[in-house]
């Protein structure tokens, strides 16, 4: 049990220590909340503006530019992951941000 707790703390610290991971999971969490986790009728083109708004909310400067570029490039993939019910961490890990 003690080993499991230490492992959990290590994983939690790793995510908290990575600002890109934190930004990414916050963005995905907000998007999920906006759509009430129901992406069944959403298209990638409909999702892009919301993701871009979230980029502007959580990032500035070059990070915001990179975020919006990733959104434009990977909106369909992000939508697919959201439709599949993946967690925010899973989505961000797949994008190599966590």
PDB file of N, CA and C in Angstrom:
ATOM      1  N   UNK A   1       0.824  -1.189   0.000  1.00  0.00           N
ATOM      2  CA  UNK A   1       0.000   0.000   0.000  1.00  0.00           C
ATOM      3  C   UNK A   1       0.872   1.259   0.000  1.00  0.00           C
ATOM      4  N   UNK A   2       1.949   1.222   0.757  1.00  0.00           N
ATOM      5  CA  UNK A   2       2.845   2.368   0.838  1.00  0.00           C
ATOM      6  C   UNK A   2       3.483   2.640  -0.525  1.00  0.00           C
ATOM      7  N   UNK A   3       3.848   1.594  -1.242  1.00  0.00           N
ATOM      8  CA  UNK A   3       4.457   1.741  -2.567  1.00  0.00           C
ATOM      9  C   UNK A   3       3.453   2.377  -3.531  1.00  0.00           C
ATOM     10  N   UNK A   4       2.212   1.945  -3.452  1.00  0.00           N
ATOM     11  CA  UNK A   4       1.171   2.495  -4.326  1.00  0.00           C
ATOM     12  C   UNK A   4       0.981   3.985  -4.062  1.00  0.00           C
ATOM     13  N   UNK A   5       0.989   4.383  -2.801  1.00  0.00           N
ATOM     14  CA  UNK A   5       0.843   5.787  -2.447  1.00  0.00           C
ATOM     15  C   UNK A   5       2.017   6.610  -2.984  1.00  0.00           C
ATOM     16  N   UNK A   6       3.227   6.114  -2.831  1.00  0.00           N
ATOM     17  CA  UNK A   6       4.414   6.809  -3.322  1.00  0.00           C
ATOM     18  C   UNK A   6       4.349   6.937  -4.843  1.00  0.00           C
ATOM     19  N   UNK A   7       3.947   5.875  -5.521  1.00  0.00           N
ATOM     20  CA  UNK A   7       3.813   5.913  -6.981  1.00  0.00           C
ATOM     21  C   UNK A   7       2.777   6.945  -7.397  1.00  0.00           C
ATOM     22  N   UNK A   8       1.641   6.976  -6.708  1.00  0.00           N
ATOM     23  CA  UNK A   8       0.596   7.948  -7.010  1.00  0.00           C
ATOM     24  C   UNK A   8       1.123   9.370  -6.826  1.00  0.00           C
ATOM     25  N   UNK A   9       1.832   9.626  -5.754  1.00  0.00           N
ATOM     26  CA  UNK A   9       2.398  10.957  -5.497  1.00  0.00           C
ATOM     27  C   UNK A   9       3.396  11.353  -6.575  1.00  0.00           C
ATOM     28  N   UNK A  10       4.212  10.411  -7.002  1.00  0.00           N
ATOM     29  CA  UNK A  10       5.196  10.677  -8.044  1.00  0.00           C
ATOM     30  C   UNK A  10       4.517  11.054  -9.354  1.00  0.00           C
ATOM     31  N   UNK A  11       3.490  10.311  -9.722  1.00  0.00           N
ATOM     32  CA  UNK A  11       2.749  10.595 -10.951  1.00  0.00           C
ATOM     33  C   UNK A  11       2.073  11.955 -10.847  1.00  0.00           C
ATOM     34  N   UNK A  12       1.427  12.229  -9.730  1.00  0.00           N
ATOM     35  CA  UNK A  12       0.755  13.516  -9.540  1.00  0.00           C
ATOM     36  C   UNK A  12       1.756  14.664  -9.611  1.00  0.00           C
ATOM     37  N   UNK A  13       2.919  14.499  -9.010  1.00  0.00           N
ATOM     38  CA  UNK A  13       3.945  15.546  -9.040  1.00  0.00           C
ATOM     39  C   UNK A  13       4.444  15.761 -10.468  1.00  0.00           C
ATOM     40  N   UNK A  14       4.621  14.695 -11.207  1.00  0.00           N
ATOM     41  CA  UNK A  14       5.098  14.808 -12.590  1.00  0.00           C
ATOM     42  C   UNK A  14       4.143  15.638 -13.424  1.00  0.00           C
ATOM     43  N   UNK A  15       2.842  15.370 -13.302  1.00  0.00           N
ATOM     44  CA  UNK A  15       1.866  16.145 -14.060  1.00  0.00           C
ATOM     45  C   UNK A  15       1.832  17.593 -13.605  1.00  0.00           C
ATOM     46  N   UNK A  16       1.908  17.820 -12.307  1.00  0.00           N
ATOM     47  CA  UNK A  16       1.858  19.178 -11.778  1.00  0.00           C
ATOM     48  C   UNK A  16       3.113  19.966 -12.149  1.00  0.00           C
ATOM     49  N   UNK A  17       4.235  19.267 -12.283  1.00  0.00           N
ATOM     50  CA  UNK A  17       5.502  19.942 -12.571  1.00  0.00           C
ATOM     51  C   UNK A  17       5.643  20.313 -14.041  1.00  0.00           C
ATOM     52  N   UNK A  18       4.797  19.812 -14.894  1.00  0.00           N
ATOM     53  CA  UNK A  18       4.880  20.093 -16.320  1.00  0.00           C
ATOM     54  C   UNK A  18       3.815  21.126 -16.689  1.00  0.00           C
ATOM     55  N   UNK A  19       4.201  22.381 -16.900  1.00  0.00           N
ATOM     56  CA  UNK A  19       3.201  23.411 -17.185  1.00  0.00           C
ATOM     57  C   UNK A  19       2.427  23.179 -18.481  1.00  0.00           C
ATOM     58  N   UNK A  20       3.056  22.568 -19.483  1.00  0.00           N
ATOM     59  CA  UNK A  20       2.330  22.274 -20.723  1.00  0.00           C
ATOM     60  C   UNK A  20       1.261  21.220 -20.489  1.00  0.00           C
ATOM     61  N   UNK A  21       1.567  20.256 -19.654  1.00  0.00           N
ATOM     62  CA  UNK A  21       0.590  19.229 -19.316  1.00  0.00           C
ATOM     63  C   UNK A  21      -0.593  19.847 -18.578  1.00  0.00           C
ATOM     64  N   UNK A  22      -0.286  20.703 -17.619  1.00  0.00           N
ATOM     65  CA  UNK A  22      -1.342  21.361 -16.852  1.00  0.00           C
ATOM     66  C   UNK A  22      -2.217  22.219 -17.761  1.00  0.00           C
ATOM     67  N   UNK A  23      -1.582  22.980 -18.642  1.00  0.00           N
ATOM     68  CA  UNK A  23      -2.334  23.811 -19.574  1.00  0.00           C
ATOM     69  C   UNK A  23      -3.230  22.945 -20.458  1.00  0.00           C
ATOM     70  N   UNK A  24      -2.672  21.890 -20.992  1.00  0.00           N
ATOM     71  CA  UNK A  24      -3.423  20.998 -21.878  1.00  0.00           C
ATOM     72  C   UNK A  24      -4.616  20.376 -21.166  1.00  0.00           C
ATOM     73  N   UNK A  25      -4.395  19.830 -19.979  1.00  0.00           N
ATOM     74  CA  UNK A  25      -5.506  19.187 -19.268  1.00  0.00           C
ATOM     75  C   UNK A  25      -6.570  20.199 -18.869  1.00  0.00           C
ATOM     76  N   UNK A  26      -6.164  21.416 -18.521  1.00  0.00           N
ATOM     77  CA  UNK A  26      -7.157  22.459 -18.214  1.00  0.00           C
ATOM     78  C   UNK A  26      -8.007  22.779 -19.436  1.00  0.00           C
ATOM     79  N   UNK A  27      -7.359  22.893 -20.587  1.00  0.00           N
ATOM     80  CA  UNK A  27      -8.081  23.179 -21.830  1.00  0.00           C
ATOM     81  C   UNK A  27      -9.071  22.061 -22.131  1.00  0.00           C
ATOM     82  N   UNK A  28      -8.613  20.827 -22.073  1.00  0.00           N
ATOM     83  CA  UNK A  28      -9.488  19.695 -22.394  1.00  0.00           C
ATOM     84  C   UNK A  28     -10.619  19.585 -21.371  1.00  0.00           C
ATOM     85  N   UNK A  29     -10.321  19.797 -20.101  1.00  0.00           N
ATOM     86  CA  UNK A  29     -11.370  19.763 -19.070  1.00  0.00           C
ATOM     87  C   UNK A  29     -12.445  20.815 -19.337  1.00  0.00           C
ATOM     88  N   UNK A  30     -12.018  22.024 -19.694  1.00  0.00           N
ATOM     89  CA  UNK A  30     -12.980  23.095 -19.978  1.00  0.00           C
ATOM     90  C   UNK A  30     -13.828  22.779 -21.205  1.00  0.00           C
ATOM     91  N   UNK A  31     -13.196  22.235 -22.227  1.00  0.00           N
ATOM     92  CA  UNK A  31     -13.934  21.879 -23.442  1.00  0.00           C
ATOM     93  C   UNK A  31     -14.944  20.782 -23.129  1.00  0.00           C
ATOM     94  N   UNK A  32     -14.530  19.791 -22.358  1.00  0.00           N
ATOM     95  CA  UNK A  32     -15.451  18.722 -21.967  1.00  0.00           C
ATOM     96  C   UNK A  32     -16.646  19.296 -21.213  1.00  0.00           C
ATOM     97  N   UNK A  33     -16.391  20.224 -20.313  1.00  0.00           N
ATOM     98  CA  UNK A  33     -17.477  20.832 -19.542  1.00  0.00           C
ATOM     99  C   UNK A  33     -18.408  21.640 -20.450  1.00  0.00           C
ATOM    100  N   UNK A  34     -17.838  22.351 -21.417  1.00  0.00           N
ATOM    101  CA  UNK A  34     -18.646  23.157 -22.330  1.00  0.00           C
ATOM    102  C   UNK A  34     -19.632  22.310 -23.137  1.00  0.00           C
ATOM    103  N   UNK A  35     -19.194  21.118 -23.476  1.00  0.00           N
ATOM    104  CA  UNK A  35     -20.036  20.225 -24.274  1.00  0.00           C
ATOM    105  C   UNK A  35     -20.716  19.146 -23.426  1.00  0.00           C
ATOM    106  N   UNK A  36     -20.619  19.267 -22.115  1.00  0.00           N
ATOM    107  CA  UNK A  36     -21.189  18.273 -21.201  1.00  0.00           C
ATOM    108  C   UNK A  36     -20.750  16.854 -21.556  1.00  0.00           C
ATOM    109  N   UNK A  37     -19.496  16.732 -21.980  1.00  0.00           N
ATOM    110  CA  UNK A  37     -18.910  15.442 -22.372  1.00  0.00           C
ATOM    111  C   UNK A  37     -19.681  14.732 -23.481  1.00  0.00           C
ATOM    112  N   UNK A  38     -20.454  15.471 -24.252  1.00  0.00           N
ATOM    113  CA  UNK A  38     -21.208  14.871 -25.359  1.00  0.00           C
ATOM    114  C   UNK A  38     -20.711  15.474 -26.672  1.00  0.00           C
ATOM    115  N   UNK A  39     -19.868  14.737 -27.343  1.00  0.00           N
ATOM    116  CA  UNK A  39     -19.280  15.201 -28.592  1.00  0.00           C
ATOM    117  C   UNK A  39     -19.865  14.464 -29.797  1.00  0.00           C
ATOM    118  N   UNK A  40     -20.990  13.809 -29.591  1.00  0.00           N
ATOM    119  CA  UNK A  40     -21.570  12.975 -30.648  1.00  0.00           C
ATOM    120  C   UNK A  40     -21.997  13.778 -31.873  1.00  0.00           C
ATOM    121  N   UNK A  41     -22.462  14.998 -31.693  1.00  0.00           N
ATOM    122  CA  UNK A  41     -22.915  15.785 -32.835  1.00  0.00           C
ATOM    123  C   UNK A  41     -21.981  16.915 -33.195  1.00  0.00           C
ATOM    124  N   UNK A  42     -20.748  16.854 -32.712  1.00  0.00           N
ATOM    125  CA  UNK A  42     -19.789  17.937 -32.903  1.00  0.00           C
ATOM    126  C   UNK A  42     -18.840  17.590 -34.048  1.00  0.00           C
ATOM    127  N   UNK A  43     -18.553  18.579 -34.876  1.00  0.00           N
ATOM    128  CA  UNK A  43     -17.554  18.391 -35.934  1.00  0.00           C
ATOM    129  C   UNK A  43     -16.247  19.048 -35.512  1.00  0.00           C
ATOM    130  N   UNK A  44     -15.179  18.685 -36.186  1.00  0.00           N
ATOM    131  CA  UNK A  44     -13.876  19.279 -35.888  1.00  0.00           C
ATOM    132  C   UNK A  44     -13.901  20.787 -36.129  1.00  0.00           C
ATOM    133  N   UNK A  45     -14.606  21.216 -37.163  1.00  0.00           N
ATOM    134  CA  UNK A  45     -14.691  22.648 -37.451  1.00  0.00           C
ATOM    135  C   UNK A  45     -15.463  23.401 -36.367  1.00  0.00           C
ATOM    136  N   UNK A  46     -16.413  22.750 -35.731  1.00  0.00           N
ATOM    137  CA  UNK A  46     -17.153  23.369 -34.623  1.00  0.00           C
ATOM    138  C   UNK A  46     -16.313  23.392 -33.350  1.00  0.00           C
ATOM    139  N   UNK A  47     -15.460  22.403 -33.189  1.00  0.00           N
ATOM    140  CA  UNK A  47     -14.637  22.292 -31.991  1.00  0.00           C
ATOM    141  C   UNK A  47     -13.470  23.288 -31.992  1.00  0.00           C
ATOM    142  N   UNK A  48     -12.930  23.579 -33.164  1.00  0.00           N
ATOM    143  CA  UNK A  48     -11.742  24.441 -33.272  1.00  0.00           C
ATOM    144  C   UNK A  48     -11.880  25.787 -32.555  1.00  0.00           C
ATOM    145  N   UNK A  49     -12.963  26.550 -32.793  1.00  0.00           N
ATOM    146  CA  UNK A  49     -13.049  27.858 -32.118  1.00  0.00           C
ATOM    147  C   UNK A  49     -13.058  27.756 -30.590  1.00  0.00           C
ATOM    148  N   UNK A  50     -13.703  26.754 -30.067  1.00  0.00           N
ATOM    149  CA  UNK A  50     -13.721  26.585 -28.612  1.00  0.00           C
ATOM    150  C   UNK A  50     -12.324  26.263 -28.107  1.00  0.00           C
ATOM    151  N   UNK A  51     -11.628  25.374 -28.779  1.00  0.00           N
ATOM    152  CA  UNK A  51     -10.257  25.046 -28.384  1.00  0.00           C
ATOM    153  C   UNK A  51      -9.341  26.265 -28.495  1.00  0.00           C
ATOM    154  N   UNK A  52      -9.513  27.038 -29.546  1.00  0.00           N
ATOM    155  CA  UNK A  52      -8.689  28.243 -29.715  1.00  0.00           C
ATOM    156  C   UNK A  52      -8.971  29.269 -28.619  1.00  0.00           C
ATOM    157  N   UNK A  53     -10.239  29.406 -28.225  1.00  0.00           N
ATOM    158  CA  UNK A  53     -10.582  30.289 -27.108  1.00  0.00           C
ATOM    159  C   UNK A  53      -9.890  29.834 -25.827  1.00  0.00           C
ATOM    160  N   UNK A  54      -9.863  28.531 -25.626  1.00  0.00           N
ATOM    161  CA  UNK A  54      -9.204  27.986 -24.436  1.00  0.00           C
ATOM    162  C   UNK A  54      -7.696  28.204 -24.494  1.00  0.00           C
ATOM    163  N   UNK A  55      -7.116  28.107 -25.690  1.00  0.00           N
ATOM    164  CA  UNK A  55      -5.682  28.407 -25.846  1.00  0.00           C
ATOM    165  C   UNK A  55      -5.407  29.837 -25.388  1.00  0.00           C
ATOM    166  N   UNK A  56      -6.256  30.766 -25.816  1.00  0.00           N
ATOM    167  CA  UNK A  56      -6.077  32.169 -25.445  1.00  0.00           C
ATOM    168  C   UNK A  56      -6.277  32.384 -23.949  1.00  0.00           C
ATOM    169  N   UNK A  57      -7.139  31.588 -23.354  1.00  0.00           N
ATOM    170  CA  UNK A  57      -7.416  31.701 -21.913  1.00  0.00           C
ATOM    171  C   UNK A  57      -6.231  31.235 -21.070  1.00  0.00           C
ATOM    172  N   UNK A  58      -5.597  30.141 -21.477  1.00  0.00           N
ATOM    173  CA  UNK A  58      -4.548  29.519 -20.660  1.00  0.00           C
ATOM    174  C   UNK A  58      -3.117  29.809 -21.108  1.00  0.00           C
ATOM    175  N   UNK A  59      -2.956  30.420 -22.277  1.00  0.00           N
ATOM    176  CA  UNK A  59      -1.596  30.642 -22.781  1.00  0.00           C
ATOM    177  C   UNK A  59      -1.483  32.040 -23.363  1.00  0.00           C
ATOM    178  N   UNK A  60      -0.250  32.477 -23.494  1.00  0.00           N
ATOM    179  CA  UNK A  60       0.009  33.759 -24.141  1.00  0.00           C
ATOM    180  C   UNK A  60       1.296  33.644 -24.944  1.00  0.00           C
ATOM    181  N   UNK A  61       1.502  34.612 -25.812  1.00  0.00           N
ATOM    182  CA  UNK A  61       2.724  34.640 -26.597  1.00  0.00           C
ATOM    183  C   UNK A  61       2.908  33.410 -27.460  1.00  0.00           C
ATOM    184  N   UNK A  62       4.126  32.893 -27.440  1.00  0.00           N
ATOM    185  CA  UNK A  62       4.475  31.741 -28.288  1.00  0.00           C
ATOM    186  C   UNK A  62       3.697  30.493 -27.896  1.00  0.00           C
ATOM    187  N   UNK A  63       3.396  30.335 -26.605  1.00  0.00           N
ATOM    188  CA  UNK A  63       2.612  29.169 -26.178  1.00  0.00           C
ATOM    189  C   UNK A  63       1.216  29.211 -26.780  1.00  0.00           C
ATOM    190  N   UNK A  64       0.591  30.379 -26.821  1.00  0.00           N
ATOM    191  CA  UNK A  64      -0.740  30.506 -27.412  1.00  0.00           C
ATOM    192  C   UNK A  64      -0.689  30.213 -28.908  1.00  0.00           C
ATOM    193  N   UNK A  65       0.347  30.696 -29.559  1.00  0.00           N
ATOM    194  CA  UNK A  65       0.514  30.444 -30.995  1.00  0.00           C
ATOM    195  C   UNK A  65       0.689  28.955 -31.260  1.00  0.00           C
ATOM    196  N   UNK A  66       1.529  28.313 -30.456  1.00  0.00           N
ATOM    197  CA  UNK A  66       1.747  26.870 -30.609  1.00  0.00           C
ATOM    198  C   UNK A  66       0.464  26.091 -30.320  1.00  0.00           C
ATOM    199  N   UNK A  67      -0.245  26.499 -29.304  1.00  0.00           N
ATOM    200  CA  UNK A  67      -1.493  25.840 -28.937  1.00  0.00           C
ATOM    201  C   UNK A  67      -2.497  25.906 -30.088  1.00  0.00           C
ATOM    202  N   UNK A  68      -2.677  27.099 -30.638  1.00  0.00           N
ATOM    203  CA  UNK A  68      -3.621  27.269 -31.740  1.00  0.00           C
ATOM    204  C   UNK A  68      -3.176  26.497 -32.979  1.00  0.00           C
ATOM    205  N   UNK A  69      -1.884  26.407 -33.199  1.00  0.00           N
ATOM    206  CA  UNK A  69      -1.360  25.637 -34.320  1.00  0.00           C
ATOM    207  C   UNK A  69      -1.674  24.150 -34.145  1.00  0.00           C
ATOM    208  N   UNK A  70      -1.487  23.662 -32.926  1.00  0.00           N
ATOM    209  CA  UNK A  70      -1.829  22.259 -32.643  1.00  0.00           C
ATOM    210  C   UNK A  70      -3.313  22.006 -32.843  1.00  0.00           C
ATOM    211  N   UNK A  71      -4.133  22.948 -32.415  1.00  0.00           N
ATOM    212  CA  UNK A  71      -5.588  22.819 -32.581  1.00  0.00           C
ATOM    213  C   UNK A  71      -5.930  22.726 -34.063  1.00  0.00           C
ATOM    214  N   UNK A  72      -5.373  23.635 -34.857  1.00  0.00           N
ATOM    215  CA  UNK A  72      -5.659  23.628 -36.295  1.00  0.00           C
ATOM    216  C   UNK A  72      -5.204  22.322 -36.948  1.00  0.00           C
ATOM    217  N   UNK A  73      -4.070  21.833 -36.494  1.00  0.00           N
ATOM    218  CA  UNK A  73      -3.478  20.633 -37.072  1.00  0.00           C
ATOM    219  C   UNK A  73      -4.202  19.360 -36.624  1.00  0.00           C
ATOM    220  N   UNK A  74      -4.604  19.309 -35.363  1.00  0.00           N
ATOM    221  CA  UNK A  74      -5.068  18.054 -34.773  1.00  0.00           C
ATOM    222  C   UNK A  74      -6.508  18.071 -34.261  1.00  0.00           C
ATOM    223  N   UNK A  75      -7.321  19.004 -34.728  1.00  0.00           N
ATOM    224  CA  UNK A  75      -8.697  19.102 -34.226  1.00  0.00           C
ATOM    225  C   UNK A  75      -9.477  17.802 -34.437  1.00  0.00           C
ATOM    226  N   UNK A  76      -9.319  17.174 -35.583  1.00  0.00           N
ATOM    227  CA  UNK A  76     -10.048  15.928 -35.859  1.00  0.00           C
ATOM    228  C   UNK A  76      -9.595  14.814 -34.925  1.00  0.00           C
ATOM    229  N   UNK A  77      -8.306  14.735 -34.661  1.00  0.00           N
ATOM    230  CA  UNK A  77      -7.780  13.725 -33.742  1.00  0.00           C
ATOM    231  C   UNK A  77      -8.257  13.993 -32.319  1.00  0.00           C
ATOM    232  N   UNK A  78      -8.234  15.254 -31.904  1.00  0.00           N
ATOM    233  CA  UNK A  78      -8.723  15.612 -30.573  1.00  0.00           C
ATOM    234  C   UNK A  78     -10.191  15.253 -30.436  1.00  0.00           C
ATOM    235  N   UNK A  79     -10.976  15.563 -31.460  1.00  0.00           N
ATOM    236  CA  UNK A  79     -12.397  15.236 -31.432  1.00  0.00           C
ATOM    237  C   UNK A  79     -12.608  13.732 -31.327  1.00  0.00           C
ATOM    238  N   UNK A  80     -11.851  12.980 -32.064  1.00  0.00           N
ATOM    239  CA  UNK A  80     -11.954  11.519 -32.010  1.00  0.00           C
ATOM    240  C   UNK A  80     -11.672  10.997 -30.600  1.00  0.00           C
ATOM    241  N   UNK A  81     -10.645  11.534 -29.967  1.00  0.00           N
ATOM    242  CA  UNK A  81     -10.319  11.118 -28.596  1.00  0.00           C
ATOM    243  C   UNK A  81     -11.426  11.515 -27.622  1.00  0.00           C
ATOM    244  N   UNK A  82     -11.975  12.704 -27.791  1.00  0.00           N
ATOM    245  CA  UNK A  82     -13.061  13.154 -26.921  1.00  0.00           C
ATOM    246  C   UNK A  82     -14.314  12.308 -27.134  1.00  0.00           C
ATOM    247  N   UNK A  83     -14.604  11.974 -28.375  1.00  0.00           N
ATOM    248  CA  UNK A  83     -15.757  11.120 -28.667  1.00  0.00           C
ATOM    249  C   UNK A  83     -15.561   9.715 -28.103  1.00  0.00           C
ATOM    250  N   UNK A  84     -14.310   9.278 -28.013  1.00  0.00           N
ATOM    251  CA  UNK A  84     -13.999   7.952 -27.464  1.00  0.00           C
ATOM    252  C   UNK A  84     -14.029   7.941 -25.934  1.00  0.00           C
ATOM    253  N   UNK A  85     -14.216   9.116 -25.323  1.00  0.00           N
ATOM    254  CA  UNK A  85     -14.317   9.194 -23.871  1.00  0.00           C
ATOM    255  C   UNK A  85     -12.986   9.175 -23.141  1.00  0.00           C
ATOM    256  N   UNK A  86     -11.914   9.517 -23.840  1.00  0.00           N
ATOM    257  CA  UNK A  86     -10.602   9.530 -23.188  1.00  0.00           C
ATOM    258  C   UNK A  86     -10.534  10.642 -22.152  1.00  0.00           C
ATOM    259  N   UNK A  87      -9.736  10.412 -21.120  1.00  0.00           N
ATOM    260  CA  UNK A  87      -9.552  11.423 -20.091  1.00  0.00           C
ATOM    261  C   UNK A  87      -8.688  12.558 -20.629  1.00  0.00           C
ATOM    262  N   UNK A  88      -8.686  13.659 -19.914  1.00  0.00           N
ATOM    263  CA  UNK A  88      -7.860  14.800 -20.317  1.00  0.00           C
ATOM    264  C   UNK A  88      -6.385  14.422 -20.350  1.00  0.00           C
ATOM    265  N   UNK A  89      -5.963  13.681 -19.360  1.00  0.00           N
ATOM    266  CA  UNK A  89      -4.554  13.252 -19.311  1.00  0.00           C
ATOM    267  C   UNK A  89      -4.235  12.346 -20.501  1.00  0.00           C
ATOM    268  N   UNK A  90      -5.135  11.419 -20.824  1.00  0.00           N
ATOM    269  CA  UNK A  90      -4.898  10.532 -21.965  1.00  0.00           C
ATOM    270  C   UNK A  90      -4.789  11.322 -23.270  1.00  0.00           C
ATOM    271  N   UNK A  91      -5.679  12.302 -23.442  1.00  0.00           N
ATOM    272  CA  UNK A  91      -5.639  13.129 -24.645  1.00  0.00           C
ATOM    273  C   UNK A  91      -4.318  13.882 -24.730  1.00  0.00           C
ATOM    274  N   UNK A  92      -3.909  14.460 -23.621  1.00  0.00           N
ATOM    275  CA  UNK A  92      -2.674  15.254 -23.606  1.00  0.00           C
ATOM    276  C   UNK A  92      -1.428  14.391 -23.714  1.00  0.00           C
ATOM    277  N   UNK A  93      -1.482  13.173 -23.161  1.00  0.00           N
ATOM    278  CA  UNK A  93      -0.352  12.251 -23.324  1.00  0.00           C
ATOM    279  C   UNK A  93      -0.201  11.856 -24.776  1.00  0.00           C
ATOM    280  N   UNK A  94      -1.311  11.630 -25.437  1.00  0.00           N
ATOM    281  CA  UNK A  94      -1.266  11.254 -26.851  1.00  0.00           C
ATOM    282  C   UNK A  94      -0.642  12.375 -27.688  1.00  0.00           C
ATOM    283  N   UNK A  95      -0.842  13.602 -27.267  1.00  0.00           N
ATOM    284  CA  UNK A  95      -0.238  14.744 -27.945  1.00  0.00           C
ATOM    285  C   UNK A  95       1.160  15.074 -27.442  1.00  0.00           C
ATOM    286  N   UNK A  96       1.707  14.194 -26.606  1.00  0.00           N
ATOM    287  CA  UNK A  96       3.048  14.354 -26.041  1.00  0.00           C
ATOM    288  C   UNK A  96       3.216  15.627 -25.211  1.00  0.00           C
ATOM    289  N   UNK A  97       2.136  16.062 -24.577  1.00  0.00           N
ATOM    290  CA  UNK A  97       2.201  17.232 -23.708  1.00  0.00           C
ATOM    291  C   UNK A  97       2.252  16.855 -22.237  1.00  0.00           C
ATOM    292  N   UNK A  98       2.018  15.598 -21.963  1.00  0.00           N
ATOM    293  CA  UNK A  98       2.112  15.081 -20.577  1.00  0.00           C
ATOM    294  C   UNK A  98       3.050  13.880 -20.561  1.00  0.00           C
TER     295      UNK A  98
END
